[in-house]
């Protein structure tokens, strides 16, 4: 096994400009003239290929980065955020009573997008034109700051995204946070609405990101793990998802600059129940992404090149599991995505282990070699759906199975993602549907609207159930790779950004 701590990035190629190459070929001796055109063509082809490879990263069709309340562009993580007011094509739809806010005394070196905000005294919305139907990442940035215009104690509000309730009675703090959602869009618009909780309150937002996700980011099927059995769960792709945790197991924090989808992966130390019997491993080689398996957009190199493992140093298999524990709200289902990449075994066919979610056996005798098409250092992930329990805790465990091999790795995990699914009311936060939220403003009481809104919510619930049951009948609980292919972070529901 190759080892090391350096990131497995390909070395930068030192190449000259095309004009330099052309001038060099023009100085070839006369006897080489018959080959000049061929060499010239090959030179241009090589330069073009190198240029293409150097830019061969994910390029979303829909990408909106909006600095709310600002009049000038901002740059964060080498990405350009545009103001929401000066552009005639601004997605801000309801701006008549909005209030632009600016922090006159920002913290030095803090991200520019948190120096401004836009506040709303009444329900207001942003509308984004969608050219690529499918799953979209929606990130909302929030941070309060000193302002003479408004009292931040009155900032309490709801947020709706395309008919889903994503935040209810939300209050921000002086610590920057990012709330991230995965929303299915099959229309030409994605609408984000901000609704003050009461007429005397206001809503606000510092920045918005809307990005069309890679088609392989969310699979439509997963394994549903319950007390009774493990069975297929269909229709996942059209659920609204909120990213609650994104953890780099055994590794350091991954920042948006080091992730192709500009995500944050936090370390696992806070969630690891006990590190007894496990150890960290680091890999300095190349992660081998394969067709049919996870891409770098599903999981970046910096997640797959670190892990925690259980290793038997003798003929006895350790009777120990690695367990991570997370806070989770009851009454919701959760998508638990576990990332695996065998960067520790000395050979294929030696790694077998069990996977548990909420203490239930979710995957018995996982053969990671077979799952990764019999290739070491090749990524693989498994998706499980579980019910959030009344205990308020969600656990993930990995440990040896009855097929584990002595003197070998007996368990491994590279990354954990946990996402909350919308409930039957189409909400990720609370028991009310979007219709109730909009109809209930600004009076503060439901009154005569209750029967109509309840009926609307019931119809929405029935629609969601029918849509799920009408989805594909087969399910795939893991990223199974074909056998004939060639080689080819959030914390407690938010990303906390460090302010230097």
Protein backbone atom coordinates (compact mmCIF):
# COMPACT_ATOMS: atom_id res chain seq x y z
CA UNK A 1 0.00 0.00 0.00
CA UNK A 2 1.25 3.43 -0.82
CA UNK A 3 1.17 5.83 2.08
CA UNK A 4 1.74 9.49 2.71
CA UNK A 5 0.02 12.65 3.72
CA UNK A 6 0.26 14.64 0.51
CA UNK A 7 -2.88 15.18 -1.50
CA UNK A 8 -2.96 12.81 -4.50
CA UNK A 9 -3.14 15.58 -7.07
CA UNK A 10 -1.55 14.98 -10.45
CA UNK A 11 1.68 16.94 -10.93
CA UNK A 12 1.33 20.16 -12.81
CA UNK A 13 2.57 19.87 -16.33
CA UNK A 14 5.05 22.47 -17.42
CA UNK A 15 4.05 23.44 -20.92
CA UNK A 16 4.86 26.33 -23.15
CA UNK A 17 2.38 28.42 -25.06
CA UNK A 18 1.27 27.33 -28.51
CA UNK A 19 3.14 30.25 -30.10
CA UNK A 20 6.40 29.09 -28.48
CA UNK A 21 5.86 25.57 -29.78
CA UNK A 22 5.13 26.83 -33.30
CA UNK A 23 8.23 29.00 -33.38
CA UNK A 24 10.37 26.06 -32.24
CA UNK A 25 9.01 23.81 -34.98
CA UNK A 26 9.75 26.55 -37.54
CA UNK A 27 13.45 26.20 -36.71
CA UNK A 28 13.68 22.50 -37.63
CA UNK A 29 16.44 21.58 -40.08
CA UNK A 30 15.50 21.24 -43.80
CA UNK A 31 15.92 17.43 -43.76
CA UNK A 32 13.02 17.22 -41.29
CA UNK A 33 10.68 19.28 -43.47
CA UNK A 34 8.51 16.29 -44.59
CA UNK A 35 7.58 15.71 -40.98
CA UNK A 36 6.95 19.33 -40.11
CA UNK A 37 3.21 19.31 -40.84
CA UNK A 38 2.72 16.07 -38.93
CA UNK A 39 4.68 17.29 -35.93
CA UNK A 40 2.95 20.67 -36.10
CA UNK A 41 -0.47 18.98 -36.07
CA UNK A 42 0.51 16.67 -33.23
CA UNK A 43 1.82 19.66 -31.29
CA UNK A 44 -1.44 21.55 -31.58
CA UNK A 45 -3.39 18.39 -30.70
CA UNK A 46 -1.26 17.79 -27.60
CA UNK A 47 -1.56 21.39 -26.47
CA UNK A 48 -5.30 21.31 -27.01
CA UNK A 49 -5.58 18.03 -25.10
CA UNK A 50 -3.53 19.34 -22.19
CA UNK A 51 -5.68 22.44 -22.07
CA UNK A 52 -8.84 20.35 -22.08
CA UNK A 53 -7.57 18.06 -19.34
CA UNK A 54 -6.48 20.96 -17.19
CA UNK A 55 -10.05 22.32 -17.27
CA UNK A 56 -11.89 18.99 -17.10
CA UNK A 57 -13.83 19.68 -13.91
CA UNK A 58 -17.52 19.83 -13.15
CA UNK A 59 -19.17 22.73 -14.99
CA UNK A 60 -22.83 23.11 -13.91
CA UNK A 61 -25.30 24.41 -16.48
CA UNK A 62 -27.20 26.40 -13.86
CA UNK A 63 -25.01 28.32 -11.45
CA UNK A 64 -26.18 31.41 -9.56
CA UNK A 65 -23.99 32.98 -6.89
CA UNK A 66 -25.77 35.99 -5.41
CA UNK A 67 -24.40 38.50 -2.91
CA UNK A 68 -27.61 39.81 -1.33
CA UNK A 69 -27.89 43.48 -0.47
CA UNK A 70 -24.62 44.32 -2.19
CA UNK A 71 -23.95 46.71 -5.07
CA UNK A 72 -20.57 45.20 -6.02
CA UNK A 73 -19.20 41.78 -6.81
CA UNK A 74 -17.60 39.64 -4.10
CA UNK A 75 -15.11 36.78 -4.31
CA UNK A 76 -15.27 33.82 -1.93
CA UNK A 77 -13.28 30.61 -2.41
CA UNK A 78 -12.23 31.85 -5.86
CA UNK A 79 -15.89 32.15 -6.89
CA UNK A 80 -17.54 35.35 -8.01
CA UNK A 81 -20.78 36.38 -6.31
CA UNK A 82 -22.80 39.05 -8.13
CA UNK A 83 -25.03 41.66 -6.45
CA UNK A 84 -28.79 41.10 -6.41
CA UNK A 85 -29.78 44.70 -7.12
CA UNK A 86 -27.78 46.33 -9.93
CA UNK A 87 -28.29 43.58 -12.50
CA UNK A 88 -31.43 43.97 -14.68
CA UNK A 89 -31.65 40.15 -14.76
CA UNK A 90 -31.53 39.94 -10.98
CA UNK A 91 -33.45 36.96 -9.54
CA UNK A 92 -34.82 39.23 -6.80
CA UNK A 93 -38.53 39.31 -7.62
CA UNK A 94 -40.08 41.10 -4.63
CA UNK A 95 -37.85 44.05 -3.79
CA UNK A 96 -40.30 46.90 -3.23
CA UNK A 97 -40.01 46.73 0.56
CA UNK A 98 -36.64 45.06 0.96
CA UNK A 99 -33.88 46.73 2.93
CA UNK A 100 -30.22 46.47 1.89
CA UNK A 101 -27.91 46.20 4.90
CA UNK A 102 -24.17 46.75 5.14
CA UNK A 103 -21.77 45.99 7.94
CA UNK A 104 -19.71 49.13 8.39
CA UNK A 105 -17.24 47.34 10.69
CA UNK A 106 -16.71 43.85 9.24
CA UNK A 107 -14.34 41.40 10.89
CA UNK A 108 -10.98 41.53 9.10
CA UNK A 109 -10.48 38.77 6.52
CA UNK A 110 -14.08 37.55 6.88
CA UNK A 111 -15.78 36.44 3.63
CA UNK A 112 -17.10 39.43 1.72
CA UNK A 113 -20.60 38.01 1.33
CA UNK A 114 -21.19 38.39 5.08
CA UNK A 115 -20.60 42.14 4.96
CA UNK A 116 -24.00 42.74 3.37
CA UNK A 117 -27.52 41.34 3.61
CA UNK A 118 -31.00 41.97 2.29
CA UNK A 119 -33.89 42.14 4.76
CA UNK A 120 -37.61 41.69 4.08
CA UNK A 121 -40.55 43.03 6.10
CA UNK A 122 -43.07 41.00 4.10
CA UNK A 123 -42.99 37.72 2.14
CA UNK A 124 -40.48 38.13 -0.70
CA UNK A 125 -38.86 35.83 -3.18
CA UNK A 126 -35.99 35.19 -5.55
CA UNK A 127 -36.74 33.43 -8.85
CA UNK A 128 -33.99 31.60 -10.70
CA UNK A 129 -34.33 30.52 -14.33
CA UNK A 130 -33.57 26.80 -14.67
CA UNK A 131 -32.07 25.37 -17.87
CA UNK A 132 -31.06 21.95 -16.55
CA UNK A 133 -33.99 20.09 -14.91
CA UNK A 134 -33.06 17.79 -12.06
CA UNK A 135 -31.49 18.04 -8.62
CA UNK A 136 -30.15 21.45 -7.64
CA UNK A 137 -28.00 22.45 -4.69
CA UNK A 138 -29.40 25.41 -2.79
CA UNK A 139 -27.14 27.05 -0.22
CA UNK A 140 -28.33 29.92 1.97
CA UNK A 141 -25.77 32.00 3.87
CA UNK A 142 -26.67 33.75 7.13
CA UNK A 143 -24.81 35.96 9.60
CA UNK A 144 -25.99 38.90 11.69
CA UNK A 145 -23.87 42.02 12.13
CA UNK A 146 -24.13 45.45 13.70
CA UNK A 147 -26.71 47.60 11.92
CA UNK A 148 -28.50 50.79 12.83
CA UNK A 149 -31.41 50.08 10.49
CA UNK A 150 -32.86 46.99 12.17
CA UNK A 151 -32.91 45.17 15.49
CA UNK A 152 -31.63 41.64 14.90
CA UNK A 153 -33.79 40.40 17.76
CA UNK A 154 -36.68 40.80 15.32
CA UNK A 155 -35.07 38.55 12.70
CA UNK A 156 -37.19 35.39 12.81
CA UNK A 157 -38.55 33.85 9.64
CA UNK A 158 -39.45 30.88 7.45
CA UNK A 159 -37.86 29.87 4.14
CA UNK A 160 -39.66 28.01 1.34
CA UNK A 161 -37.89 26.50 -1.68
CA UNK A 162 -40.05 25.37 -4.62
CA UNK A 163 -42.99 24.55 -2.38
CA UNK A 164 -40.95 22.81 0.35
CA UNK A 165 -40.62 24.32 3.82
CA UNK A 166 -36.87 24.32 4.46
CA UNK A 167 -36.61 26.53 7.57
CA UNK A 168 -39.19 27.42 10.22
CA UNK A 169 -38.82 30.20 12.81
CA UNK A 170 -35.17 30.46 11.88
CA UNK A 171 -32.86 32.77 13.82
CA UNK A 172 -29.30 33.49 12.73
CA UNK A 173 -26.31 34.42 14.89
CA UNK A 174 -23.06 36.33 14.53
CA UNK A 175 -21.37 33.08 13.45
CA UNK A 176 -21.63 32.55 9.67
CA UNK A 177 -23.69 29.48 8.79
CA UNK A 178 -24.62 27.80 5.54
CA UNK A 179 -27.84 25.83 5.20
CA UNK A 180 -27.67 23.40 2.28
CA UNK A 181 -30.54 21.65 0.50
CA UNK A 182 -30.92 19.33 -2.49
CA UNK A 183 -34.10 20.19 -4.38
CA UNK A 184 -35.59 18.47 -7.42
CA UNK A 185 -36.62 20.97 -10.11
CA UNK A 186 -38.70 19.91 -13.13
CA UNK A 187 -39.93 23.38 -14.10
CA UNK A 188 -38.27 26.43 -15.61
CA UNK A 189 -37.96 28.25 -12.30
CA UNK A 190 -36.64 27.64 -8.81
CA UNK A 191 -38.28 29.96 -6.28
CA UNK A 192 -36.89 30.81 -2.83
CA UNK A 193 -39.31 32.65 -0.53
CA UNK A 194 -38.53 34.43 2.73
CA UNK A 195 -41.48 34.90 5.10
CA UNK A 196 -41.22 36.82 8.41
CA UNK A 197 -42.61 34.77 11.29
CA UNK A 198 -44.80 37.70 12.36
CA UNK A 199 -45.70 41.06 10.90
CA UNK A 200 -43.38 42.80 13.38
CA UNK A 201 -40.47 40.53 12.42
CA UNK A 202 -38.26 40.49 9.34
CA UNK A 203 -36.40 37.94 7.21
CA UNK A 204 -32.94 38.32 5.74
CA UNK A 205 -30.23 36.52 3.78
CA UNK A 206 -26.57 37.31 3.09
CA UNK A 207 -25.97 35.19 0.00
CA UNK A 208 -27.61 32.50 -2.13
CA UNK A 209 -26.18 29.71 -4.24
CA UNK A 210 -28.24 27.74 -6.76
CA UNK A 211 -26.26 25.11 -8.67
CA UNK A 212 -27.42 22.27 -10.90
CA UNK A 213 -26.07 19.08 -9.35
CA UNK A 214 -24.29 16.27 -11.22
CA UNK A 215 -26.74 13.63 -12.37
CA UNK A 216 -25.07 10.95 -10.24
CA UNK A 217 -25.14 12.94 -6.99
CA UNK A 218 -28.49 11.56 -5.76
CA UNK A 219 -29.59 8.03 -6.61
CA UNK A 220 -33.32 7.37 -6.82
CA UNK A 221 -33.14 4.23 -4.68
CA UNK A 222 -31.63 3.18 -1.37
CA UNK A 223 -31.94 0.50 1.30
CA UNK A 224 -34.56 1.22 3.95
CA UNK A 225 -33.35 -0.16 7.28
CA UNK A 226 -35.96 -0.89 9.97
CA UNK A 227 -36.35 -3.18 12.98
CA UNK A 228 -38.05 -5.83 10.88
CA UNK A 229 -36.02 -5.93 7.67
CA UNK A 230 -33.97 -4.20 5.00
CA UNK A 231 -35.96 -3.38 1.89
CA UNK A 232 -35.98 -1.07 -1.11
CA UNK A 233 -36.78 2.63 -0.80
CA UNK A 234 -37.82 4.26 -4.09
CA UNK A 235 -38.49 7.82 -5.23
CA UNK A 236 -35.60 9.35 -3.32
CA UNK A 237 -34.52 11.70 -6.08
CA UNK A 238 -37.69 13.82 -5.89
CA UNK A 239 -37.58 14.25 -2.14
CA UNK A 240 -36.27 17.49 -0.68
CA UNK A 241 -33.07 16.82 1.28
CA UNK A 242 -31.31 18.92 3.88
CA UNK A 243 -27.63 18.20 4.45
CA UNK A 244 -27.29 17.79 8.21
CA UNK A 245 -23.79 16.27 8.49
CA UNK A 246 -20.92 15.83 6.10
CA UNK A 247 -17.93 14.16 7.78
CA UNK A 248 -14.44 13.27 6.57
CA UNK A 249 -13.68 10.14 8.59
CA UNK A 250 -10.08 9.93 9.79
CA UNK A 251 -9.03 13.02 7.87
CA UNK A 252 -8.77 16.77 8.21
CA UNK A 253 -11.41 19.35 7.37
CA UNK A 254 -12.13 19.67 3.65
CA UNK A 255 -12.95 23.22 2.60
CA UNK A 256 -14.90 24.37 -0.49
CA UNK A 257 -11.61 25.15 -2.25
CA UNK A 258 -10.74 21.43 -2.15
CA UNK A 259 -14.08 20.04 -3.22
CA UNK A 260 -15.42 20.03 -6.78
CA UNK A 261 -18.92 20.96 -5.52
CA UNK A 262 -17.62 23.56 -3.05
CA UNK A 263 -18.70 21.54 -0.01
CA UNK A 264 -17.32 21.47 3.53
CA UNK A 265 -16.50 18.16 5.23
CA UNK A 266 -15.77 18.39 8.96
CA UNK A 267 -13.55 16.05 10.97
CA UNK A 268 -15.09 13.06 12.74
CA UNK A 269 -13.50 13.51 16.17
CA UNK A 270 -16.61 15.05 17.74
CA UNK A 271 -18.86 12.22 16.57
CA UNK A 272 -16.62 9.19 17.12
CA UNK A 273 -17.93 7.39 20.19
CA UNK A 274 -14.58 5.76 20.95
CA UNK A 275 -11.34 5.46 19.01
CA UNK A 276 -10.33 2.31 20.90
CA UNK A 277 -9.45 -0.46 18.46
CA UNK A 278 -9.36 1.81 15.40
CA UNK A 279 -6.65 3.84 13.74
CA UNK A 280 -6.36 6.47 11.05
CA UNK A 281 -4.82 5.70 7.67
CA UNK A 282 -3.62 8.08 4.97
CA UNK A 283 -3.03 7.34 1.31
CA UNK A 284 -0.65 9.26 -0.93
CA UNK A 285 -1.45 7.49 -4.19
CA UNK A 286 -4.06 8.13 -6.84
CA UNK A 287 -7.73 7.49 -6.11
CA UNK A 288 -9.06 5.35 -8.97
CA UNK A 289 -12.50 6.58 -9.98
CA UNK A 290 -14.27 4.13 -12.28
CA UNK A 291 -17.15 4.45 -14.68
CA UNK A 292 -20.29 3.24 -12.92
CA UNK A 293 -18.93 4.20 -9.53
CA UNK A 294 -18.78 7.46 -7.58
CA UNK A 295 -17.27 10.47 -9.33
CA UNK A 296 -15.24 13.23 -7.68
CA UNK A 297 -18.50 15.16 -7.39
CA UNK A 298 -19.95 12.40 -5.22
CA UNK A 299 -16.84 12.32 -3.04
CA UNK A 300 -13.55 14.20 -3.51
CA UNK A 301 -10.03 12.76 -3.28
CA UNK A 302 -9.50 14.37 0.12
CA UNK A 303 -12.28 12.21 1.56
CA UNK A 304 -11.31 8.95 -0.08
CA UNK A 305 -7.58 9.19 0.70
CA UNK A 306 -8.15 9.12 4.47
CA UNK A 307 -10.05 6.63 6.63
CA UNK A 308 -10.39 4.91 9.97
CA UNK A 309 -9.80 1.15 10.04
CA UNK A 310 -10.01 -1.85 12.33
CA UNK A 311 -6.94 -4.05 11.86
CA UNK A 312 -6.24 -7.52 13.28
CA UNK A 313 -2.56 -7.77 14.23
CA UNK A 314 -2.75 -11.52 14.83
CA UNK A 315 -4.93 -14.54 14.16
CA UNK A 316 -7.70 -13.20 16.38
CA UNK A 317 -10.37 -11.01 14.84
CA UNK A 318 -11.01 -7.97 17.09
CA UNK A 319 -14.46 -7.89 18.65
CA UNK A 320 -14.86 -4.15 18.28
CA UNK A 321 -16.93 -1.77 16.17
CA UNK A 322 -16.17 1.79 15.18
CA UNK A 323 -19.24 3.88 16.03
CA UNK A 324 -20.19 7.48 15.27
CA UNK A 325 -23.16 9.15 16.99
CA UNK A 326 -25.13 12.15 15.67
CA UNK A 327 -28.03 14.20 16.97
CA UNK A 328 -31.15 13.73 14.82
CA UNK A 329 -34.70 15.03 15.09
CA UNK A 330 -37.41 12.37 15.40
CA UNK A 331 -40.32 12.28 12.99
CA UNK A 332 -38.20 12.45 9.84
CA UNK A 333 -36.50 9.92 7.64
CA UNK A 334 -32.77 10.32 7.03
CA UNK A 335 -30.58 9.37 4.11
CA UNK A 336 -27.29 8.00 5.41
CA UNK A 337 -24.57 7.80 2.77
CA UNK A 338 -21.40 5.94 3.73
CA UNK A 339 -18.25 6.34 1.63
CA UNK A 340 -15.73 3.52 1.32
CA UNK A 341 -12.39 3.24 -0.43
CA UNK A 342 -9.93 0.46 0.36
CA UNK A 343 -6.70 2.39 0.81
CA UNK A 344 -5.39 0.09 3.56
CA UNK A 345 -5.43 -3.53 2.33
CA UNK A 346 -2.31 -5.09 0.83
CA UNK A 347 -4.36 -7.09 -1.66
CA UNK A 348 -7.90 -7.47 -2.95
CA UNK A 349 -10.23 -10.10 -1.50
CA UNK A 350 -9.16 -9.58 2.12
CA UNK A 351 -11.67 -7.02 3.38
CA UNK A 352 -15.08 -8.13 4.72
CA UNK A 353 -17.09 -6.31 7.38
CA UNK A 354 -20.57 -5.45 8.64
CA UNK A 355 -22.33 -2.09 8.52
CA UNK A 356 -24.89 -0.99 11.11
CA UNK A 357 -27.22 2.04 11.09
CA UNK A 358 -29.08 2.90 14.31
CA UNK A 359 -27.83 -0.38 15.74
CA UNK A 360 -29.50 -2.41 12.99
CA UNK A 361 -27.55 -4.62 10.58
CA UNK A 362 -27.74 -2.70 7.31
CA UNK A 363 -25.14 -4.60 5.28
CA UNK A 364 -23.75 -8.01 6.22
CA UNK A 365 -20.36 -9.22 4.98
CA UNK A 366 -19.69 -6.26 2.72
CA UNK A 367 -17.06 -7.42 0.22
CA UNK A 368 -15.42 -4.14 -0.69
CA UNK A 369 -13.23 -5.76 -3.36
CA UNK A 370 -16.25 -6.98 -5.30
CA UNK A 371 -18.10 -3.71 -4.74
CA UNK A 372 -15.17 -1.75 -6.19
CA UNK A 373 -14.74 -4.02 -9.22
CA UNK A 374 -11.72 -5.76 -7.65
CA UNK A 375 -9.56 -2.66 -7.52
CA UNK A 376 -7.85 -1.13 -4.50
CA UNK A 377 -8.14 2.61 -3.85
CA UNK A 378 -11.39 2.72 -5.85
CA UNK A 379 -14.38 4.53 -4.28
CA UNK A 380 -17.75 3.01 -3.45
CA UNK A 381 -20.71 4.33 -1.46
CA UNK A 382 -23.85 2.82 0.08
CA UNK A 383 -27.14 4.66 0.69
CA UNK A 384 -29.43 3.77 3.59
CA UNK A 385 -32.70 5.37 4.70
CA UNK A 386 -33.69 5.16 8.37
CA UNK A 387 -36.37 6.67 10.60
CA UNK A 388 -35.25 9.31 13.05
CA UNK A 389 -35.87 7.87 16.49
CA UNK A 390 -37.42 9.48 19.57
CA UNK A 391 -34.07 9.15 21.32
CA UNK A 392 -32.79 12.01 19.15
CA UNK A 393 -29.73 9.99 18.18
CA UNK A 394 -28.61 8.44 14.90
CA UNK A 395 -25.63 6.06 14.94
CA UNK A 396 -23.36 4.52 12.30
CA UNK A 397 -21.13 1.52 13.05
CA UNK A 398 -18.63 -0.56 11.10
CA UNK A 399 -17.07 -3.76 12.42
CA UNK A 400 -15.72 -7.24 11.62
CA UNK A 401 -18.02 -9.92 10.21
CA UNK A 402 -17.89 -13.71 10.28
CA UNK A 403 -15.96 -13.54 7.00
CA UNK A 404 -13.25 -11.19 8.26
CA UNK A 405 -9.68 -12.36 7.65
CA UNK A 406 -6.93 -12.56 10.31
CA UNK A 407 -3.89 -10.29 9.88
CA UNK A 408 -5.97 -8.01 7.64
CA UNK A 409 -8.18 -4.95 7.68
CA UNK A 410 -11.51 -5.88 9.29
CA UNK A 411 -13.41 -2.65 8.84
CA UNK A 412 -13.02 0.68 7.08
CA UNK A 413 -14.93 3.93 6.59
CA UNK A 414 -13.88 7.09 4.71
CA UNK A 415 -16.84 9.46 4.91
CA UNK A 416 -20.36 9.97 6.26
CA UNK A 417 -23.16 12.13 4.91
CA UNK A 418 -26.51 12.44 6.67
CA UNK A 419 -29.45 14.20 5.01
CA UNK A 420 -32.96 14.78 6.32
CA UNK A 421 -35.90 13.93 4.02
CA UNK A 422 -39.03 16.07 3.88
CA UNK A 423 -41.99 14.77 5.86
CA UNK A 424 -45.49 14.11 4.54
CA UNK A 425 -46.27 17.85 4.73
CA UNK A 426 -43.42 18.65 2.37
CA UNK A 427 -41.43 20.16 5.22
CA UNK A 428 -37.85 19.73 6.40
CA UNK A 429 -38.49 21.76 9.53
CA UNK A 430 -41.84 21.58 11.26
CA UNK A 431 -45.30 20.13 10.78
CA UNK A 432 -46.80 22.78 8.48
CA UNK A 433 -46.80 22.79 4.69
CA UNK A 434 -45.88 25.78 2.53
CA UNK A 435 -49.52 26.69 2.00
CA UNK A 436 -50.04 27.03 5.74
CA UNK A 437 -46.97 29.25 6.12
CA UNK A 438 -48.08 31.64 3.38
CA UNK A 439 -51.74 31.78 4.41
CA UNK A 440 -50.85 32.28 8.06
CA UNK A 441 -48.94 35.51 7.39
CA UNK A 442 -49.27 38.12 8.82
CA UNK A 443 -52.14 37.49 11.24
CA UNK A 444 -50.33 35.05 13.49
CA UNK A 445 -53.40 32.82 13.86
CA UNK A 446 -54.92 30.31 11.53
CA UNK A 447 -58.58 31.22 11.93
CA UNK A 448 -60.96 30.19 9.19
CA UNK A 449 -58.13 29.22 6.88
CA UNK A 450 -57.51 25.98 8.78
CA UNK A 451 -59.86 23.68 6.80
CA UNK A 452 -58.65 24.91 3.41
CA UNK A 453 -54.98 24.75 4.31
CA UNK A 454 -55.37 21.36 5.99
CA UNK A 455 -57.03 20.03 2.84
CA UNK A 456 -54.23 21.42 0.69
CA UNK A 457 -51.59 19.83 2.92
CA UNK A 458 -53.45 16.50 2.84
CA UNK A 459 -53.53 16.55 -0.97
CA UNK A 460 -49.81 17.33 -1.03
CA UNK A 461 -49.14 14.41 1.32
CA UNK A 462 -51.17 11.99 -0.85
CA UNK A 463 -49.37 13.26 -3.96
CA UNK A 464 -45.95 12.62 -2.42
CA UNK A 465 -46.90 9.08 -1.39
CA UNK A 466 -48.31 8.23 -4.83
CA UNK A 467 -45.27 9.70 -6.58
CA UNK A 468 -42.92 7.60 -4.46
CA UNK A 469 -44.88 4.41 -5.12
CA UNK A 470 -45.02 5.12 -8.84
CA UNK A 471 -41.22 5.38 -8.99
CA UNK A 472 -39.05 2.53 -10.29
CA UNK A 473 -39.70 -0.85 -8.72
CA UNK A 474 -36.09 -2.02 -8.54
CA UNK A 475 -33.70 -0.58 -6.05
CA UNK A 476 -29.97 -0.30 -5.70
CA UNK A 477 -28.72 0.24 -2.18
CA UNK A 478 -25.16 0.89 -3.22
CA UNK A 479 -23.05 2.21 -6.07
CA UNK A 480 -22.53 -1.13 -7.78
CA UNK A 481 -19.82 -1.04 -10.41
CA UNK A 482 -20.01 -2.99 -13.68
CA UNK A 483 -17.49 -5.79 -14.10
CA UNK A 484 -16.39 -4.89 -17.61
CA UNK A 485 -15.25 -1.30 -17.21
CA UNK A 486 -11.76 0.08 -17.48
CA UNK A 487 -10.08 2.26 -14.81
CA UNK A 488 -11.10 5.42 -15.32
CA UNK A 489 -18.73 18.78 5.86
CA UNK A 490 -21.84 19.74 7.88
CA UNK A 491 -22.01 20.20 11.54
CA UNK A 492 -25.44 20.18 13.29
CA UNK A 493 -27.25 21.13 10.12
CA UNK A 494 -24.96 23.99 9.15
CA UNK A 495 -21.49 24.68 7.89
CA UNK A 496 -19.66 26.92 10.30
CA UNK A 497 -17.20 29.15 8.54
CA UNK A 498 -14.09 30.25 10.32
CA UNK A 499 -13.52 33.97 10.49
CA UNK A 500 -9.90 34.87 10.75
